[in-house]
Amino acid sequence: MQTEGLGDRILTGDRRALARAITLVESGRADHRAQATQLLSQLAKSGRQSLRIGLSGTPGVGKSTFIESFGMMLTGQGLRVAVLAVDPSSARSGGSILGDKTRMERLSRDKNAFIRPSPSQSHLGGVARRTREAIALCEAAGFDVVLIETVGVGQSETVVSELSDLFLLLLAPAGGDELQGVKRGIMEMADMILINKADGDLRATATRTCADYAGALRLLRKRPQDPPGYPRAMTVSAVEEQGLEQAWDEMQALTTWRRDNGHWTANRASQARYWFDQEVRHALLARLETPAARNEMDRLSAEVGTGAISPSEAAGRMLAALSER
């Protein structure tokens, strides 16, 4: 892929250059990975930072509708917004199934918005493997806010908290069963819980659900990165665009408090260490996919199957063989 001048164009906010760069970092080819690493190192010198907002939610809660309404509100205030929507992947082709961009018609036409759907490719955590690098590219391109939409709610979707400055959990109006159905882990990581669809016949139900979650949040252990009153639950209506400005005000207040008290910088440093650890682990696993390593694995696996060697001893020999290469 031709990358000459790509970094300079991204720094000027060129959306086509940004799209090409995200395609580059998502590629698994060795030469593309080398180019991507060089490009990211170049862009890191710009020092630009966006407000990264992770968003997860139960199926059918209206995440795409919320993101479009919320994004339109932000661009209406003169902010530039990037949306990285992670779709479930086709097991056959590896491509996106849902195609969130088609469901954000108004936002996709906004000149101050950029929407990029990426297939999860069976990567756990509700985010694509290279979402972190895509975020860095959007920051370098000068976007004020980067919204990261996960595949959905589950135990593994908490990985998005390692990518974001704020983590929002979007839920629908429901009774106690819904409260029990949401994993405690993802509630503990959420900075705000937004009860969507607080309109029409569901308005009263949404208000009650919000009160239920507000009560549940008070029972959770206090986090050092939270000022008094956080995390909190609020009601919003993406369809009627109600409550969005109030939610944005709360997000800004929380962000300002964390910046002023050193939690923003500490969180970014912790996330950088986490992703360094993940990159090392992925690189080690990749070494198992080389032809020589696969042959050795197959040979040792056959011996384990016949009982000639124990699984633990075979694993030790495999690790020793890898360290010699």
Protein backbone atom coordinates (compact mmCIF):
# COMPACT_ATOMS: atom_id res chain seq x y z
CA MET A 1 0.00 0.00 0.00
CA GLN A 2 1.35 3.46 -0.93
CA THR A 3 1.82 5.38 2.33
CA GLU A 4 4.05 8.28 1.32
CA GLY A 5 2.61 11.53 2.65
CA LEU A 6 -0.24 9.68 4.37
CA GLY A 7 0.68 10.97 7.81
CA ASP A 8 0.79 14.61 6.69
CA ARG A 9 -2.62 14.29 5.04
CA ILE A 10 -4.11 12.74 8.18
CA LEU A 11 -2.81 15.66 10.25
CA THR A 12 -4.70 18.05 7.96
CA GLY A 13 -7.91 16.12 8.61
CA ASP A 14 -8.10 14.37 5.22
CA ARG A 15 -10.89 11.80 5.66
CA ARG A 16 -9.81 9.65 2.69
CA ALA A 17 -6.30 9.43 4.09
CA LEU A 18 -7.74 8.47 7.48
CA ALA A 19 -9.84 5.70 5.92
CA ARG A 20 -6.79 4.35 4.05
CA ALA A 21 -4.71 4.44 7.24
CA ILE A 22 -7.34 2.46 9.19
CA THR A 23 -7.39 -0.13 6.40
CA LEU A 24 -3.60 -0.30 6.72
CA VAL A 25 -3.59 -0.89 10.50
CA GLU A 26 -6.32 -3.53 10.18
CA SER A 27 -4.28 -5.51 7.67
CA GLY A 28 -2.54 -8.64 8.88
CA ARG A 29 0.21 -8.59 6.24
CA ALA A 30 3.71 -8.29 7.68
CA ASP A 31 4.73 -5.42 5.36
CA HIS A 32 1.52 -3.54 6.17
CA ARG A 33 2.11 -4.01 9.90
CA ALA A 34 5.58 -2.48 9.54
CA GLN A 35 4.15 0.48 7.62
CA ALA A 36 1.37 0.92 10.17
CA THR A 37 3.82 0.94 13.09
CA GLN A 38 5.93 3.58 11.36
CA LEU A 39 2.87 5.70 10.58
CA LEU A 40 1.55 5.53 14.15
CA SER A 41 4.96 6.51 15.54
CA GLN A 42 5.01 9.52 13.23
CA LEU A 43 1.50 10.64 14.21
CA ALA A 44 2.08 10.14 17.94
CA LYS A 45 4.41 13.15 17.87
CA SER A 46 1.43 15.44 17.19
CA GLY A 47 0.32 14.99 20.80
CA ARG A 48 -3.35 15.38 19.86
CA GLN A 49 -5.94 13.85 22.16
CA SER A 50 -9.67 13.26 21.71
CA LEU A 51 -12.30 12.43 24.28
CA ARG A 52 -12.71 8.67 23.83
CA ILE A 53 -16.19 7.45 24.72
CA GLY A 54 -16.86 3.70 24.78
CA LEU A 55 -20.46 2.61 24.37
CA SER A 56 -21.96 -0.80 25.06
CA GLY A 57 -25.55 -1.93 25.45
CA THR A 58 -28.02 -4.76 25.34
CA PRO A 59 -29.31 -5.94 21.92
CA GLY A 60 -32.13 -3.78 20.54
CA VAL A 61 -31.43 -0.91 22.93
CA GLY A 62 -30.91 1.52 20.05
CA LYS A 63 -27.16 2.08 20.15
CA SER A 64 -26.93 3.20 16.53
CA THR A 65 -29.90 5.58 16.93
CA PHE A 66 -28.34 7.00 20.10
CA ILE A 67 -24.95 7.46 18.46
CA GLU A 68 -26.51 9.24 15.47
CA SER A 69 -28.59 11.60 17.63
CA PHE A 70 -25.74 12.20 20.07
CA GLY A 71 -23.24 12.67 17.25
CA MET A 72 -25.52 15.14 15.45
CA MET A 73 -25.87 17.13 18.67
CA LEU A 74 -22.08 17.28 19.05
CA THR A 75 -21.43 18.32 15.45
CA GLY A 76 -24.16 20.93 15.89
CA GLN A 77 -21.95 22.41 18.63
CA GLY A 78 -19.06 22.63 16.18
CA LEU A 79 -17.26 19.49 17.34
CA ARG A 80 -15.75 16.89 15.02
CA VAL A 81 -16.91 13.35 15.80
CA ALA A 82 -15.49 9.98 14.75
CA VAL A 83 -17.50 6.78 15.21
CA LEU A 84 -15.77 3.41 15.26
CA ALA A 85 -18.59 0.86 15.12
CA VAL A 86 -17.50 -2.73 15.70
CA ASP A 87 -19.80 -5.22 13.96
CA PRO A 88 -20.14 -8.97 14.47
CA SER A 89 -18.25 -10.82 11.76
CA SER A 90 -19.36 -13.32 9.20
CA ALA A 91 -17.81 -16.68 10.05
CA ARG A 92 -17.38 -17.33 6.32
CA SER A 93 -15.97 -14.08 4.93
CA GLY A 94 -14.81 -12.33 8.10
CA GLY A 95 -16.65 -9.16 7.04
CA SER A 96 -19.17 -7.08 8.96
CA ILE A 97 -22.70 -8.44 9.24
CA LEU A 98 -24.74 -5.47 10.44
CA GLY A 99 -23.08 -2.52 8.69
CA ASP A 100 -23.86 0.19 11.28
CA LYS A 101 -22.91 2.96 8.87
CA THR A 102 -26.07 2.32 6.83
CA ARG A 103 -28.14 2.91 9.98
CA MET A 104 -26.62 6.35 10.67
CA GLU A 105 -27.73 8.04 7.48
CA ARG A 106 -27.83 11.63 8.76
CA LEU A 107 -24.54 11.43 10.64
CA SER A 108 -22.75 9.77 7.72
CA ARG A 109 -23.56 12.81 5.57
CA ASP A 110 -22.29 15.32 8.15
CA LYS A 111 -18.97 16.87 7.07
CA ASN A 112 -17.82 17.00 10.70
CA ALA A 113 -18.40 13.28 11.27
CA PHE A 114 -16.50 10.16 10.25
CA ILE A 115 -17.99 6.67 10.60
CA ARG A 116 -15.95 3.51 10.23
CA PRO A 117 -17.50 0.05 10.76
CA SER A 118 -14.98 -2.71 11.46
CA PRO A 119 -15.57 -6.47 11.71
CA SER A 120 -14.77 -7.94 15.12
CA GLN A 121 -13.32 -11.03 13.37
CA SER A 122 -14.11 -13.19 16.41
CA HIS A 123 -11.88 -11.01 18.60
CA LEU A 124 -13.16 -11.07 22.18
CA GLY A 125 -13.77 -7.84 24.03
CA GLY A 126 -16.49 -6.37 21.82
CA VAL A 127 -13.89 -4.44 19.85
CA ALA A 128 -11.83 -5.20 16.76
CA ARG A 129 -8.17 -6.19 17.17
CA ARG A 130 -6.86 -2.85 15.90
CA THR A 131 -9.53 -0.51 17.30
CA ARG A 132 -6.94 1.07 19.59
CA GLU A 133 -4.78 2.05 16.62
CA ALA A 134 -7.81 3.34 14.70
CA ILE A 135 -8.56 5.59 17.68
CA ALA A 136 -5.01 6.96 17.59
CA LEU A 137 -5.44 7.76 13.90
CA CYS A 138 -8.71 9.61 14.56
CA GLU A 139 -7.03 11.62 17.30
CA ALA A 140 -4.21 12.61 14.96
CA ALA A 141 -6.81 13.66 12.36
CA GLY A 142 -8.13 16.23 14.84
CA PHE A 143 -11.44 14.72 15.92
CA ASP A 144 -12.69 16.12 19.22
CA VAL A 145 -14.72 13.07 20.22
CA VAL A 146 -14.23 9.41 19.26
CA LEU A 147 -17.20 7.10 19.93
CA ILE A 148 -16.38 3.39 20.14
CA GLU A 149 -19.45 1.16 19.78
CA THR A 150 -18.97 -2.43 20.91
CA VAL A 151 -20.66 -5.54 19.53
CA GLY A 152 -22.91 -5.84 22.60
CA VAL A 153 -23.08 -6.59 26.30
CA GLY A 154 -21.29 -9.63 27.68
CA GLN A 155 -18.46 -10.55 30.00
CA SER A 156 -15.84 -9.76 27.36
CA GLU A 157 -17.22 -6.37 26.35
CA THR A 158 -15.46 -4.80 29.34
CA VAL A 159 -12.28 -4.58 27.22
CA VAL A 160 -13.67 -1.35 25.75
CA SER A 161 -12.95 0.30 29.11
CA GLU A 162 -9.25 -0.15 28.29
CA LEU A 163 -9.75 2.00 25.19
CA SER A 164 -11.91 4.81 26.48
CA ASP A 165 -11.83 7.80 28.81
CA LEU A 166 -15.54 7.40 29.53
CA PHE A 167 -17.53 4.18 29.36
CA LEU A 168 -21.29 4.42 28.80
CA LEU A 169 -23.71 1.55 29.27
CA LEU A 170 -26.92 1.98 27.28
CA LEU A 171 -29.96 0.03 28.52
CA ALA A 172 -33.66 -0.18 27.64
CA PRO A 173 -36.60 0.37 30.01
CA ALA A 174 -37.28 -2.95 31.74
CA GLY A 175 -38.02 -4.58 35.08
CA GLY A 176 -35.89 -6.37 37.62
CA ASP A 177 -35.05 -9.26 35.29
CA GLU A 178 -33.11 -6.87 33.09
CA LEU A 179 -31.18 -5.61 36.10
CA GLN A 180 -30.21 -9.16 37.03
CA GLY A 181 -29.31 -10.02 33.43
CA VAL A 182 -26.59 -7.40 33.08
CA LYS A 183 -23.17 -8.59 34.19
CA ARG A 184 -21.92 -6.99 37.42
CA GLY A 185 -18.46 -6.54 35.88
CA ILE A 186 -19.66 -4.26 33.11
CA MET A 187 -21.75 -2.22 35.58
CA GLU A 188 -18.70 -1.73 37.79
CA MET A 189 -16.77 -0.33 34.83
CA ALA A 190 -19.51 1.97 33.52
CA ASP A 191 -19.09 5.68 34.21
CA MET A 192 -22.70 6.40 33.27
CA ILE A 193 -25.76 4.24 32.66
CA LEU A 194 -28.18 5.74 30.14
CA ILE A 195 -31.72 4.37 29.98
CA ASN A 196 -32.75 4.89 26.36
CA LYS A 197 -36.27 5.01 24.86
CA ALA A 198 -37.56 7.26 27.66
CA ASP A 199 -40.44 8.49 25.50
CA GLY A 200 -44.10 7.77 24.84
CA ASP A 201 -45.58 4.86 26.76
CA LEU A 202 -42.13 3.83 27.99
CA ARG A 203 -41.32 7.13 29.72
CA ALA A 204 -42.64 6.06 33.14
CA THR A 205 -41.00 2.62 32.86
CA ALA A 206 -37.70 4.26 31.92
CA THR A 207 -37.88 6.51 34.98
CA ARG A 208 -38.46 3.53 37.27
CA THR A 209 -35.65 1.57 35.61
CA CYS A 210 -33.32 4.54 36.05
CA ALA A 211 -34.16 4.64 39.76
CA ASP A 212 -33.44 0.88 40.02
CA TYR A 213 -30.01 1.29 38.46
CA ALA A 214 -29.23 4.40 40.49
CA GLY A 215 -29.90 2.33 43.59
CA ALA A 216 -27.75 -0.53 42.32
CA LEU A 217 -24.86 1.85 41.59
CA ARG A 218 -24.91 3.15 45.15
CA LEU A 219 -24.21 -0.39 46.36
CA LEU A 220 -21.07 -0.74 44.26
CA ARG A 221 -17.66 -0.01 45.75
CA LYS A 222 -16.55 3.62 45.43
CA ARG A 223 -13.88 4.15 42.76
CA PRO A 224 -11.01 6.65 43.28
CA GLN A 225 -11.50 8.07 39.78
CA ASP A 226 -15.07 9.17 40.53
CA PRO A 227 -16.21 12.42 42.16
CA PRO A 228 -19.26 12.38 44.47
CA GLY A 229 -22.40 11.29 42.63
CA TYR A 230 -20.67 9.09 40.03
CA PRO A 231 -21.22 6.71 38.38
CA ARG A 232 -24.79 7.79 37.76
CA ALA A 233 -27.87 6.72 35.81
CA MET A 234 -29.88 9.01 33.54
CA THR A 235 -32.78 8.70 31.10
CA VAL A 236 -32.48 9.71 27.43
CA SER A 237 -34.53 9.43 24.27
CA ALA A 238 -32.46 9.05 21.11
CA VAL A 239 -35.59 9.22 18.93
CA GLU A 240 -36.92 12.45 20.46
CA GLU A 241 -33.37 13.70 21.19
CA GLN A 242 -34.25 14.35 24.82
CA GLY A 243 -31.74 14.24 27.66
CA LEU A 244 -28.73 14.17 25.33
CA GLU A 245 -27.44 17.63 26.24
CA GLN A 246 -27.80 16.89 29.95
CA ALA A 247 -25.89 13.62 29.50
CA TRP A 248 -23.16 15.47 27.57
CA ASP A 249 -22.90 18.07 30.36
CA GLU A 250 -22.39 15.27 32.88
CA MET A 251 -19.73 13.65 30.69
CA GLN A 252 -17.85 16.93 30.41
CA ALA A 253 -18.07 17.55 34.15
CA LEU A 254 -16.68 14.10 34.91
CA THR A 255 -13.91 14.51 32.32
CA THR A 256 -12.90 17.91 33.73
CA TRP A 257 -12.79 16.52 37.29
CA ARG A 258 -10.61 13.60 36.23
CA ARG A 259 -8.23 15.89 34.34
CA ASP A 260 -7.92 18.27 37.26
CA ASN A 261 -7.27 15.44 39.72
CA GLY A 262 -4.72 13.51 37.66
CA HIS A 263 -6.94 10.51 36.90
CA TRP A 264 -7.06 11.20 33.14
CA THR A 265 -3.27 10.93 32.74
CA ALA A 266 -3.04 7.94 35.08
CA ASN A 267 -5.79 6.12 33.16
CA ARG A 268 -4.12 6.73 29.80
CA ALA A 269 -0.80 5.44 31.18
CA SER A 270 -2.50 2.32 32.60
CA GLN A 271 -4.18 1.66 29.25
CA ALA A 272 -0.86 2.02 27.39
CA ARG A 273 0.70 -0.60 29.67
CA TYR A 274 -2.28 -2.91 29.15
CA TRP A 275 -2.00 -2.74 25.35
CA PHE A 276 1.77 -3.24 25.49
CA ASP A 277 1.10 -6.47 27.39
CA GLN A 278 -1.55 -7.50 24.85
CA GLU A 279 0.75 -6.82 21.88
CA VAL A 280 3.46 -9.02 23.40
CA ARG A 281 0.96 -11.82 24.01
CA HIS A 282 -0.41 -11.61 20.46
CA ALA A 283 3.12 -11.62 19.02
CA LEU A 284 4.01 -14.75 20.98
CA LEU A 285 0.83 -16.49 19.84
CA ALA A 286 1.60 -15.50 16.25
CA ARG A 287 4.88 -17.40 16.49
CA LEU A 288 2.84 -20.58 16.95
CA GLU A 289 1.32 -20.09 13.50
CA THR A 290 4.60 -20.36 11.57
CA PRO A 291 4.98 -23.59 9.51
CA ALA A 292 7.89 -24.84 11.65
CA ALA A 293 5.99 -24.21 14.87
CA ARG A 294 2.84 -25.88 13.53
CA ASN A 295 4.83 -28.96 12.53
CA GLU A 296 6.39 -29.19 15.99
CA MET A 297 2.97 -28.72 17.61
CA ASP A 298 1.49 -31.49 15.47
CA ARG A 299 4.36 -33.84 16.31
CA LEU A 300 4.10 -33.22 20.05
CA SER A 301 0.32 -33.40 19.89
CA ALA A 302 0.53 -36.86 18.34
CA GLU A 303 2.85 -38.02 21.13
CA VAL A 304 0.48 -36.63 23.76
CA GLY A 305 -2.38 -38.48 22.08
CA THR A 306 -0.59 -41.81 22.30
CA GLY A 307 0.37 -41.24 25.92
CA ALA A 308 4.09 -41.21 25.13
CA ILE A 309 4.45 -37.82 26.78
CA SER A 310 2.35 -35.80 29.21
CA PRO A 311 0.66 -32.54 28.11
CA SER A 312 2.78 -30.55 30.61
CA GLU A 313 6.06 -32.04 29.34
CA ALA A 314 5.01 -31.46 25.73
CA ALA A 315 4.17 -27.84 26.49
CA GLY A 316 7.59 -27.37 28.09
CA ARG A 317 9.33 -28.80 25.02
CA MET A 318 7.26 -26.56 22.74
CA LEU A 319 8.16 -23.44 24.69
CA ALA A 320 11.81 -24.46 24.71
CA ALA A 321 11.70 -24.94 20.93
CA LEU A 322 10.19 -21.47 20.48
CA SER A 323 12.84 -19.81 22.64
CA GLU A 324 15.59 -21.36 20.48
CA ARG A 325 14.20 -19.86 17.28
